[in-house]
Amino acid sequence: LDQVIKLHPSNKQLKLLALANRDAMDIDAATRKLLSEVEPKPLPNL
């Protein structure tokens, strides 16, 4: 999507998609960060 939007910088519909895509990536990254904070330290294998 990023490459497509760069080719059509004035298209508002594509700009909305860029926002939706950024939203998904930000949530995914933030979720992974929160999940990584669950374990106080690396756990050994059983």
All heavy atoms as atom14 arrays in JSON, in Angstrom:
{
  "sequence": "LDQVIKLHPSNKQLKLLALANRDAMDIDAATRKLLSEVEPKPLPNL",
  "atom14_mask": [
    [1, 1, 1, 1, 1, 1, 1, 1, 0, 0, 0, 0, 0, 0],
    [1, 1, 1, 1, 1, 1, 1, 1, 0, 0, 0, 0, 0, 0],
    [1, 1, 1, 1, 1, 1, 1, 1, 1, 0, 0, 0, 0, 0],
    [1, 1, 1, 1, 1, 1, 1, 0, 0, 0, 0, 0, 0, 0],
    [1, 1, 1, 1, 1, 1, 1, 1, 0, 0, 0, 0, 0, 0],
    [1, 1, 1, 1, 1, 1, 1, 1, 1, 0, 0, 0, 0, 0],
    [1, 1, 1, 1, 1, 1, 1, 1, 0, 0, 0, 0, 0, 0],
    [1, 1, 1, 1, 1, 1, 1, 1, 1, 1, 0, 0, 0, 0],
    [1, 1, 1, 1, 1, 1, 1, 0, 0, 0, 0, 0, 0, 0],
    [1, 1, 1, 1, 1, 1, 0, 0, 0, 0, 0, 0, 0, 0],
    [1, 1, 1, 1, 1, 1, 1, 1, 0, 0, 0, 0, 0, 0],
    [1, 1, 1, 1, 1, 1, 1, 1, 1, 0, 0, 0, 0, 0],
    [1, 1, 1, 1, 1, 1, 1, 1, 1, 0, 0, 0, 0, 0],
    [1, 1, 1, 1, 1, 1, 1, 1, 0, 0, 0, 0, 0, 0],
    [1, 1, 1, 1, 1, 1, 1, 1, 1, 0, 0, 0, 0, 0],
    [1, 1, 1, 1, 1, 1, 1, 1, 0, 0, 0, 0, 0, 0],
    [1, 1, 1, 1, 1, 1, 1, 1, 0, 0, 0, 0, 0, 0],
    [1, 1, 1, 1, 1, 0, 0, 0, 0, 0, 0, 0, 0, 0],
    [1, 1, 1, 1, 1, 1, 1, 1, 0, 0, 0, 0, 0, 0],
    [1, 1, 1, 1, 1, 0, 0, 0, 0, 0, 0, 0, 0, 0],
    [1, 1, 1, 1, 1, 1, 1, 1, 0, 0, 0, 0, 0, 0],
    [1, 1, 1, 1, 1, 1, 1, 1, 1, 1, 1, 0, 0, 0],
    [1, 1, 1, 1, 1, 1, 1, 1, 0, 0, 0, 0, 0, 0],
    [1, 1, 1, 1, 1, 0, 0, 0, 0, 0, 0, 0, 0, 0],
    [1, 1, 1, 1, 1, 1, 1, 1, 0, 0, 0, 0, 0, 0],
    [1, 1, 1, 1, 1, 1, 1, 1, 0, 0, 0, 0, 0, 0],
    [1, 1, 1, 1, 1, 1, 1, 1, 0, 0, 0, 0, 0, 0],
    [1, 1, 1, 1, 1, 1, 1, 1, 0, 0, 0, 0, 0, 0],
    [1, 1, 1, 1, 1, 0, 0, 0, 0, 0, 0, 0, 0, 0],
    [1, 1, 1, 1, 1, 0, 0, 0, 0, 0, 0, 0, 0, 0],
    [1, 1, 1, 1, 1, 1, 1, 0, 0, 0, 0, 0, 0, 0],
    [1, 1, 1, 1, 1, 1, 1, 1, 1, 1, 1, 0, 0, 0],
    [1, 1, 1, 1, 1, 1, 1, 1, 1, 0, 0, 0, 0, 0],
    [1, 1, 1, 1, 1, 1, 1, 1, 0, 0, 0, 0, 0, 0],
    [1, 1, 1, 1, 1, 1, 1, 1, 0, 0, 0, 0, 0, 0],
    [1, 1, 1, 1, 1, 1, 0, 0, 0, 0, 0, 0, 0, 0],
    [1, 1, 1, 1, 1, 1, 1, 1, 1, 0, 0, 0, 0, 0],
    [1, 1, 1, 1, 1, 1, 1, 0, 0, 0, 0, 0, 0, 0],
    [1, 1, 1, 1, 1, 1, 1, 1, 1, 0, 0, 0, 0, 0],
    [1, 1, 1, 1, 1, 1, 1, 0, 0, 0, 0, 0, 0, 0],
    [1, 1, 1, 1, 1, 1, 1, 1, 1, 0, 0, 0, 0, 0],
    [1, 1, 1, 1, 1, 1, 1, 0, 0, 0, 0, 0, 0, 0],
    [1, 1, 1, 1, 1, 1, 1, 1, 0, 0, 0, 0, 0, 0],
    [1, 1, 1, 1, 1, 1, 1, 0, 0, 0, 0, 0, 0, 0],
    [1, 1, 1, 1, 1, 1, 1, 1, 0, 0, 0, 0, 0, 0],
    [1, 1, 1, 1, 1, 1, 1, 1, 0, 0, 0, 0, 0, 0]
  ],
  "atom14_positions": [
    [[0.81, -1.22, 0.0], [0.0, 0.0, 0.0], [0.85, 1.27, 0.0], [0.51, 2.25, -0.67], [-0.94, 0.01, 1.21], [-2.19, -0.85, 1.09], [-2.95, -0.85, 2.4], [-3.08, -0.35, -0.03], [0.0, 0.0, 0.0], [0.0, 0.0, 0.0], [0.0, 0.0, 0.0], [0.0, 0.0, 0.0], [0.0, 0.0, 0.0], [0.0, 0.0, 0.0]],
    [[1.93, 1.27, 0.75], [2.76, 2.48, 0.85], [3.24, 2.93, -0.53], [3.23, 4.12, -0.84], [3.95, 2.24, 1.78], [3.55, 2.2, 3.24], [2.45, 2.68, 3.55], [4.33, 1.68, 4.06], [0.0, 0.0, 0.0], [0.0, 0.0, 0.0], [0.0, 0.0, 0.0], [0.0, 0.0, 0.0], [0.0, 0.0, 0.0], [0.0, 0.0, 0.0]],
    [[3.66, 1.98, -1.35], [4.17, 2.32, -2.68], [3.06, 2.87, -3.57], [3.25, 3.84, -4.31], [4.8, 1.08, -3.33], [5.5, 1.37, -4.65], [6.63, 2.39, -4.5], [7.35, 2.38, -3.51], [6.77, 3.26, -5.48], [0.0, 0.0, 0.0], [0.0, 0.0, 0.0], [0.0, 0.0, 0.0], [0.0, 0.0, 0.0], [0.0, 0.0, 0.0]],
    [[1.87, 2.27, -3.46], [0.73, 2.74, -4.26], [0.36, 4.16, -3.89], [0.08, 5.01, -4.75], [-0.48, 1.8, -4.07], [-1.73, 2.4, -4.71], [-0.19, 0.43, -4.66], [0.0, 0.0, 0.0], [0.0, 0.0, 0.0], [0.0, 0.0, 0.0], [0.0, 0.0, 0.0], [0.0, 0.0, 0.0], [0.0, 0.0, 0.0], [0.0, 0.0, 0.0]],
    [[0.33, 4.43, -2.6], [-0.06, 5.76, -2.13], [0.97, 6.81, -2.53], [0.62, 7.96, -2.83], [-0.25, 5.72, -0.6], [-1.48, 4.85, -0.27], [-0.44, 7.11, -0.03], [-1.57, 4.42, 1.16], [0.0, 0.0, 0.0], [0.0, 0.0, 0.0], [0.0, 0.0, 0.0], [0.0, 0.0, 0.0], [0.0, 0.0, 0.0], [0.0, 0.0, 0.0]],
    [[2.24, 6.45, -2.61], [3.26, 7.39, -3.06], [3.05, 7.78, -4.52], [3.39, 8.9, -4.93], [4.65, 6.76, -2.89], [5.11, 6.67, -1.45], [6.48, 6.0, -1.35], [6.93, 5.87, 0.1], [8.23, 5.17, 0.22], [0.0, 0.0, 0.0], [0.0, 0.0, 0.0], [0.0, 0.0, 0.0], [0.0, 0.0, 0.0], [0.0, 0.0, 0.0]],
    [[2.48, 6.87, -5.31], [2.22, 7.16, -6.72], [0.99, 8.03, -6.93], [0.81, 8.64, -7.99], [2.04, 5.84, -7.49], [3.26, 4.91, -7.55], [2.9, 3.6, -8.23], [4.42, 5.59, -8.28], [0.0, 0.0, 0.0], [0.0, 0.0, 0.0], [0.0, 0.0, 0.0], [0.0, 0.0, 0.0], [0.0, 0.0, 0.0], [0.0, 0.0, 0.0]],
    [[0.13, 8.1, -5.91], [-1.1, 8.91, -6.0], [-1.25, 9.74, -4.73], [-2.18, 9.54, -3.95], [-2.32, 8.01, -6.2], [-2.2, 7.07, -7.37], [-2.49, 7.45, -8.66], [-1.81, 5.77, -7.43], [-2.3, 6.44, -9.47], [-1.89, 5.41, -8.76], [0.0, 0.0, 0.0], [0.0, 0.0, 0.0], [0.0, 0.0, 0.0], [0.0, 0.0, 0.0]],
    [[-0.36, 10.68, -4.51], [-0.32, 11.41, -3.22], [-1.54, 12.3, -2.96], [-1.78, 12.67, -1.82], [0.95, 12.25, -3.34], [1.16, 12.42, -4.82], [0.69, 11.13, -5.44], [0.0, 0.0, 0.0], [0.0, 0.0, 0.0], [0.0, 0.0, 0.0], [0.0, 0.0, 0.0], [0.0, 0.0, 0.0], [0.0, 0.0, 0.0], [0.0, 0.0, 0.0]],
    [[-2.31, 12.65, -4.0], [-3.46, 13.54, -3.8], [-4.78, 12.79, -3.68], [-5.83, 13.42, -3.5], [-3.55, 14.55, -4.96], [-3.76, 13.88, -6.19], [0.0, 0.0, 0.0], [0.0, 0.0, 0.0], [0.0, 0.0, 0.0], [0.0, 0.0, 0.0], [0.0, 0.0, 0.0], [0.0, 0.0, 0.0], [0.0, 0.0, 0.0], [0.0, 0.0, 0.0]],
    [[-4.76, 11.47, -3.78], [-5.99, 10.68, -3.73], [-6.42, 10.49, -2.28], [-5.76, 9.8, -1.5], [-5.75, 9.31, -4.4], [-7.03, 8.51, -4.55], [-7.74, 8.26, -3.58], [-7.31, 8.11, -5.78], [0.0, 0.0, 0.0], [0.0, 0.0, 0.0], [0.0, 0.0, 0.0], [0.0, 0.0, 0.0], [0.0, 0.0, 0.0], [0.0, 0.0, 0.0]],
    [[-7.55, 11.09, -1.9], [-7.99, 11.06, -0.51], [-8.41, 9.66, -0.07], [-8.25, 9.29, 1.09], [-9.15, 12.04, -0.3], [-8.74, 13.5, -0.42], [-9.92, 14.42, -0.12], [-9.5, 15.88, -0.2], [-10.64, 16.8, 0.11], [0.0, 0.0, 0.0], [0.0, 0.0, 0.0], [0.0, 0.0, 0.0], [0.0, 0.0, 0.0], [0.0, 0.0, 0.0]],
    [[-8.98, 8.87, -1.0], [-9.39, 7.53, -0.64], [-8.18, 6.66, -0.29], [-8.21, 5.87, 0.66], [-10.19, 6.89, -1.78], [-11.41, 7.69, -2.22], [-12.34, 8.0, -1.06], [-12.57, 7.15, -0.2], [-12.85, 9.21, -1.01], [0.0, 0.0, 0.0], [0.0, 0.0, 0.0], [0.0, 0.0, 0.0], [0.0, 0.0, 0.0], [0.0, 0.0, 0.0]],
    [[-7.12, 6.82, -1.06], [-5.89, 6.09, -0.77], [-5.25, 6.59, 0.52], [-4.63, 5.81, 1.26], [-4.91, 6.21, -1.94], [-5.34, 5.5, -3.22], [-4.31, 5.75, -4.33], [-5.52, 4.01, -3.0], [0.0, 0.0, 0.0], [0.0, 0.0, 0.0], [0.0, 0.0, 0.0], [0.0, 0.0, 0.0], [0.0, 0.0, 0.0], [0.0, 0.0, 0.0]],
    [[-5.41, 7.88, 0.8], [-4.89, 8.4, 2.06], [-5.62, 7.79, 3.25], [-5.03, 7.51, 4.29], [-5.01, 9.92, 2.09], [-4.01, 10.65, 1.19], [-4.16, 12.15, 1.32], [-3.12, 12.88, 0.48], [-3.25, 14.36, 0.6], [0.0, 0.0, 0.0], [0.0, 0.0, 0.0], [0.0, 0.0, 0.0], [0.0, 0.0, 0.0], [0.0, 0.0, 0.0]],
    [[-6.94, 7.57, 3.09], [-7.69, 6.9, 4.15], [-7.18, 5.48, 4.36], [-7.05, 5.01, 5.5], [-9.18, 6.88, 3.8], [-9.95, 8.19, 3.94], [-11.39, 8.01, 3.47], [-9.93, 8.68, 5.39], [0.0, 0.0, 0.0], [0.0, 0.0, 0.0], [0.0, 0.0, 0.0], [0.0, 0.0, 0.0], [0.0, 0.0, 0.0], [0.0, 0.0, 0.0]],
    [[-6.88, 4.81, 3.25], [-6.33, 3.44, 3.37], [-4.97, 3.46, 4.06], [-4.64, 2.55, 4.83], [-6.19, 2.8, 1.98], [-7.3, 1.82, 1.62], [-8.62, 2.56, 1.54], [-6.99, 1.12, 0.31], [0.0, 0.0, 0.0], [0.0, 0.0, 0.0], [0.0, 0.0, 0.0], [0.0, 0.0, 0.0], [0.0, 0.0, 0.0], [0.0, 0.0, 0.0]],
    [[-4.2, 4.5, 3.79], [-2.89, 4.62, 4.46], [-3.09, 4.74, 5.96], [-2.34, 4.15, 6.75], [-2.13, 5.83, 3.92], [0.0, 0.0, 0.0], [0.0, 0.0, 0.0], [0.0, 0.0, 0.0], [0.0, 0.0, 0.0], [0.0, 0.0, 0.0], [0.0, 0.0, 0.0], [0.0, 0.0, 0.0], [0.0, 0.0, 0.0], [0.0, 0.0, 0.0]],
    [[-4.11, 5.51, 6.38], [-4.4, 5.64, 7.81], [-4.84, 4.31, 8.4], [-4.42, 3.94, 9.5], [-5.5, 6.69, 8.02], [-5.14, 8.15, 7.72], [-6.36, 9.04, 7.95], [-3.98, 8.6, 8.61], [0.0, 0.0, 0.0], [0.0, 0.0, 0.0], [0.0, 0.0, 0.0], [0.0, 0.0, 0.0], [0.0, 0.0, 0.0], [0.0, 0.0, 0.0]],
    [[-5.7, 3.58, 7.69], [-6.17, 2.29, 8.18], [-5.01, 1.29, 8.28], [-4.92, 0.52, 9.25], [-7.25, 1.73, 7.25], [0.0, 0.0, 0.0], [0.0, 0.0, 0.0], [0.0, 0.0, 0.0], [0.0, 0.0, 0.0], [0.0, 0.0, 0.0], [0.0, 0.0, 0.0], [0.0, 0.0, 0.0], [0.0, 0.0, 0.0], [0.0, 0.0, 0.0]],
    [[-4.12, 1.33, 7.31], [-2.97, 0.43, 7.32], [-2.02, 0.77, 8.45], [-1.52, -0.12, 9.16], [-2.24, 0.51, 5.97], [-1.15, -0.54, 5.85], [-1.3, -1.68, 6.27], [-0.03, -0.15, 5.27], [0.0, 0.0, 0.0], [0.0, 0.0, 0.0], [0.0, 0.0, 0.0], [0.0, 0.0, 0.0], [0.0, 0.0, 0.0], [0.0, 0.0, 0.0]],
    [[-1.78, 2.06, 8.64], [-0.91, 2.49, 9.74], [-1.52, 2.1, 11.09], [-0.81, 1.68, 12.02], [-0.7, 4.0, 9.68], [0.37, 4.5, 10.66], [0.3, 6.0, 10.8], [-0.9, 6.42, 11.51], [-1.31, 7.68, 11.62], [-0.64, 8.64, 11.01], [-2.4, 7.98, 12.3], [0.0, 0.0, 0.0], [0.0, 0.0, 0.0], [0.0, 0.0, 0.0]],
    [[-2.83, 2.26, 11.19], [-3.54, 1.88, 12.41], [-3.32, 0.41, 12.74], [-3.01, 0.05, 13.87], [-5.03, 2.17, 12.23], [-5.88, 1.62, 13.37], [-5.86, 2.22, 14.45], [-6.54, 0.59, 13.17], [0.0, 0.0, 0.0], [0.0, 0.0, 0.0], [0.0, 0.0, 0.0], [0.0, 0.0, 0.0], [0.0, 0.0, 0.0], [0.0, 0.0, 0.0]],
    [[-3.46, -0.46, 11.73], [-3.28, -1.9, 11.93], [-1.84, -2.22, 12.35], [-1.61, -3.02, 13.26], [-3.64, -2.66, 10.66], [0.0, 0.0, 0.0], [0.0, 0.0, 0.0], [0.0, 0.0, 0.0], [0.0, 0.0, 0.0], [0.0, 0.0, 0.0], [0.0, 0.0, 0.0], [0.0, 0.0, 0.0], [0.0, 0.0, 0.0], [0.0, 0.0, 0.0]],
    [[-0.88, -1.58, 11.69], [0.53, -1.85, 12.02], [0.88, -1.35, 13.42], [1.6, -2.03, 14.16], [1.44, -1.2, 10.97], [1.38, -1.85, 9.6], [2.67, -1.26, 8.46], [2.24, 0.48, 8.34], [0.0, 0.0, 0.0], [0.0, 0.0, 0.0], [0.0, 0.0, 0.0], [0.0, 0.0, 0.0], [0.0, 0.0, 0.0], [0.0, 0.0, 0.0]],
    [[0.35, -0.18, 13.77], [0.64, 0.37, 15.1], [0.06, -0.53, 16.2], [0.69, -0.77, 17.23], [0.07, 1.78, 15.23], [0.87, 2.8, 14.43], [1.97, 2.45, 13.96], [0.38, 3.94, 14.27], [0.0, 0.0, 0.0], [0.0, 0.0, 0.0], [0.0, 0.0, 0.0], [0.0, 0.0, 0.0], [0.0, 0.0, 0.0], [0.0, 0.0, 0.0]],
    [[-1.17, -1.0, 15.98], [-1.81, -1.86, 16.98], [-1.06, -3.18, 17.1], [-0.83, -3.68, 18.2], [-3.28, -2.1, 16.62], [-4.1, -0.83, 16.87], [-3.86, -3.25, 17.44], [-5.56, -0.97, 16.55], [0.0, 0.0, 0.0], [0.0, 0.0, 0.0], [0.0, 0.0, 0.0], [0.0, 0.0, 0.0], [0.0, 0.0, 0.0], [0.0, 0.0, 0.0]],
    [[-0.66, -3.74, 15.97], [0.08, -5.01, 15.99], [1.39, -4.84, 16.75], [1.74, -5.66, 17.62], [0.35, -5.46, 14.56], [0.96, -6.86, 14.5], [0.77, -7.64, 15.45], [1.61, -7.18, 13.5], [0.0, 0.0, 0.0], [0.0, 0.0, 0.0], [0.0, 0.0, 0.0], [0.0, 0.0, 0.0], [0.0, 0.0, 0.0], [0.0, 0.0, 0.0]],
    [[2.13, -3.77, 16.47], [3.4, -3.54, 17.14], [3.21, -3.29, 18.63], [3.95, -3.82, 19.47], [4.13, -2.36, 16.49], [0.0, 0.0, 0.0], [0.0, 0.0, 0.0], [0.0, 0.0, 0.0], [0.0, 0.0, 0.0], [0.0, 0.0, 0.0], [0.0, 0.0, 0.0], [0.0, 0.0, 0.0], [0.0, 0.0, 0.0], [0.0, 0.0, 0.0]],
    [[2.21, -2.49, 18.98], [1.94, -2.18, 20.39], [1.5, -3.42, 21.14], [1.87, -3.63, 22.31], [0.89, -1.09, 20.49], [0.0, 0.0, 0.0], [0.0, 0.0, 0.0], [0.0, 0.0, 0.0], [0.0, 0.0, 0.0], [0.0, 0.0, 0.0], [0.0, 0.0, 0.0], [0.0, 0.0, 0.0], [0.0, 0.0, 0.0], [0.0, 0.0, 0.0]],
    [[0.72, -4.28, 20.48], [0.26, -5.51, 21.12], [1.43, -6.43, 21.42], [1.52, -7.01, 22.51], [-0.76, -6.24, 20.22], [-1.88, -5.38, 19.99], [-1.24, -7.52, 20.87], [0.0, 0.0, 0.0], [0.0, 0.0, 0.0], [0.0, 0.0, 0.0], [0.0, 0.0, 0.0], [0.0, 0.0, 0.0], [0.0, 0.0, 0.0], [0.0, 0.0, 0.0]],
    [[2.31, -6.58, 20.45], [3.49, -7.44, 20.66], [4.36, -6.9, 21.8], [4.93, -7.67, 22.57], [4.3, -7.54, 19.36], [3.58, -8.28, 18.24], [4.4, -8.35, 16.97], [3.65, -8.95, 15.89], [3.55, -10.26, 15.69], [4.17, -11.11, 16.5], [2.85, -10.73, 14.66], [0.0, 0.0, 0.0], [0.0, 0.0, 0.0], [0.0, 0.0, 0.0]],
    [[4.45, -5.57, 21.88], [5.25, -4.97, 22.95], [4.6, -5.26, 24.31], [5.3, -5.61, 25.28], [5.36, -3.47, 22.74], [6.23, -2.75, 23.78], [6.37, -1.28, 23.44], [7.29, -0.58, 24.43], [6.76, -0.61, 25.81], [0.0, 0.0, 0.0], [0.0, 0.0, 0.0], [0.0, 0.0, 0.0], [0.0, 0.0, 0.0], [0.0, 0.0, 0.0]],
    [[3.28, -5.13, 24.39], [2.59, -5.41, 25.65], [2.75, -6.87, 26.04], [2.99, -7.19, 27.21], [1.11, -5.06, 25.52], [0.74, -3.58, 25.51], [-0.76, -3.41, 25.3], [1.16, -2.9, 26.8], [0.0, 0.0, 0.0], [0.0, 0.0, 0.0], [0.0, 0.0, 0.0], [0.0, 0.0, 0.0], [0.0, 0.0, 0.0], [0.0, 0.0, 0.0]],
    [[2.62, -7.76, 25.07], [2.76, -9.19, 25.35], [4.18, -9.52, 25.83], [4.36, -10.41, 26.67], [2.41, -10.02, 24.12], [0.93, -10.03, 23.71], [0.74, -10.77, 22.4], [0.07, -10.66, 24.81], [0.0, 0.0, 0.0], [0.0, 0.0, 0.0], [0.0, 0.0, 0.0], [0.0, 0.0, 0.0], [0.0, 0.0, 0.0], [0.0, 0.0, 0.0]],
    [[5.17, -8.81, 25.29], [6.55, -9.07, 25.7], [6.79, -8.64, 27.14], [7.74, -9.12, 27.8], [7.53, -8.35, 24.78], [7.47, -6.94, 24.97], [0.0, 0.0, 0.0], [0.0, 0.0, 0.0], [0.0, 0.0, 0.0], [0.0, 0.0, 0.0], [0.0, 0.0, 0.0], [0.0, 0.0, 0.0], [0.0, 0.0, 0.0], [0.0, 0.0, 0.0]],
    [[5.95, -7.74, 27.66], [6.12, -7.26, 29.02], [5.44, -8.17, 30.04], [5.58, -7.96, 31.25], [5.53, -5.85, 29.15], [6.26, -4.81, 28.29], [5.55, -3.46, 28.31], [4.52, -3.35, 29.01], [6.01, -2.53, 27.63], [0.0, 0.0, 0.0], [0.0, 0.0, 0.0], [0.0, 0.0, 0.0], [0.0, 0.0, 0.0], [0.0, 0.0, 0.0]],
    [[4.71, -9.17, 29.56], [4.0, -10.07, 30.47], [4.97, -10.89, 31.3], [4.82, -11.02, 32.52], [3.05, -11.0, 29.68], [2.52, -12.1, 30.57], [1.9, -10.2, 29.1], [0.0, 0.0, 0.0], [0.0, 0.0, 0.0], [0.0, 0.0, 0.0], [0.0, 0.0, 0.0], [0.0, 0.0, 0.0], [0.0, 0.0, 0.0], [0.0, 0.0, 0.0]],
    [[5.99, -11.44, 30.65], [6.97, -12.26, 31.36], [8.0, -11.36, 32.04], [8.64, -10.55, 31.38], [7.67, -13.21, 30.4], [6.76, -14.28, 29.81], [7.5, -15.23, 28.89], [8.74, -15.19, 28.88], [6.83, -16.01, 28.2], [0.0, 0.0, 0.0], [0.0, 0.0, 0.0], [0.0, 0.0, 0.0], [0.0, 0.0, 0.0], [0.0, 0.0, 0.0]],
    [[8.17, -11.48, 33.35], [9.15, -10.65, 34.06], [10.58, -10.91, 33.6], [11.43, -10.03, 33.65], [8.95, -11.03, 35.53], [8.29, -12.37, 35.5], [7.45, -12.4, 34.25], [0.0, 0.0, 0.0], [0.0, 0.0, 0.0], [0.0, 0.0, 0.0], [0.0, 0.0, 0.0], [0.0, 0.0, 0.0], [0.0, 0.0, 0.0], [0.0, 0.0, 0.0]],
    [[10.84, -12.13, 33.14], [12.14, -12.48, 32.58], [11.98, -13.76, 31.78], [10.98, -14.48, 31.95], [13.19, -12.66, 33.69], [12.86, -13.75, 34.69], [13.91, -13.79, 35.79], [13.61, -14.87, 36.81], [14.61, -14.9, 37.9], [0.0, 0.0, 0.0], [0.0, 0.0, 0.0], [0.0, 0.0, 0.0], [0.0, 0.0, 0.0], [0.0, 0.0, 0.0]],
    [[12.92, -14.07, 30.88], [12.79, -15.28, 30.06], [12.64, -16.54, 30.92], [13.35, -16.72, 31.91], [14.09, -15.3, 29.27], [14.54, -13.88, 29.22], [14.12, -13.29, 30.53], [0.0, 0.0, 0.0], [0.0, 0.0, 0.0], [0.0, 0.0, 0.0], [0.0, 0.0, 0.0], [0.0, 0.0, 0.0], [0.0, 0.0, 0.0], [0.0, 0.0, 0.0]],
    [[11.69, -17.38, 30.53], [11.43, -18.6, 31.29], [12.18, -19.78, 30.68], [12.26, -19.9, 29.45], [9.93, -18.9, 31.3], [9.05, -17.82, 31.92], [7.58, -18.15, 31.7], [9.34, -17.68, 33.41], [0.0, 0.0, 0.0], [0.0, 0.0, 0.0], [0.0, 0.0, 0.0], [0.0, 0.0, 0.0], [0.0, 0.0, 0.0], [0.0, 0.0, 0.0]],
    [[12.71, -20.66, 31.52], [13.41, -21.85, 30.98], [12.41, -22.84, 30.4], [11.21, -22.81, 30.73], [14.11, -22.41, 32.22], [13.24, -21.99, 33.36], [12.71, -20.64, 33.0], [0.0, 0.0, 0.0], [0.0, 0.0, 0.0], [0.0, 0.0, 0.0], [0.0, 0.0, 0.0], [0.0, 0.0, 0.0], [0.0, 0.0, 0.0], [0.0, 0.0, 0.0]],
    [[12.89, -23.71, 29.55], [12.05, -24.79, 29.04], [11.8, -25.79, 30.16], [12.63, -25.99, 31.05], [12.71, -25.48, 27.86], [12.82, -24.57, 26.65], [11.91, -23.78, 26.38], [13.92, -24.66, 25.91], [0.0, 0.0, 0.0], [0.0, 0.0, 0.0], [0.0, 0.0, 0.0], [0.0, 0.0, 0.0], [0.0, 0.0, 0.0], [0.0, 0.0, 0.0]],
    [[10.67, -26.44, 30.07], [10.31, -27.42, 31.11], [11.34, -28.53, 31.21], [11.69, -28.98, 32.31], [8.93, -28.01, 30.79], [8.29, -28.91, 31.85], [8.11, -28.14, 33.16], [6.95, -29.45, 31.35], [0.0, 0.0, 0.0], [0.0, 0.0, 0.0], [0.0, 0.0, 0.0], [0.0, 0.0, 0.0], [0.0, 0.0, 0.0], [0.0, 0.0, 0.0]]
  ]
}
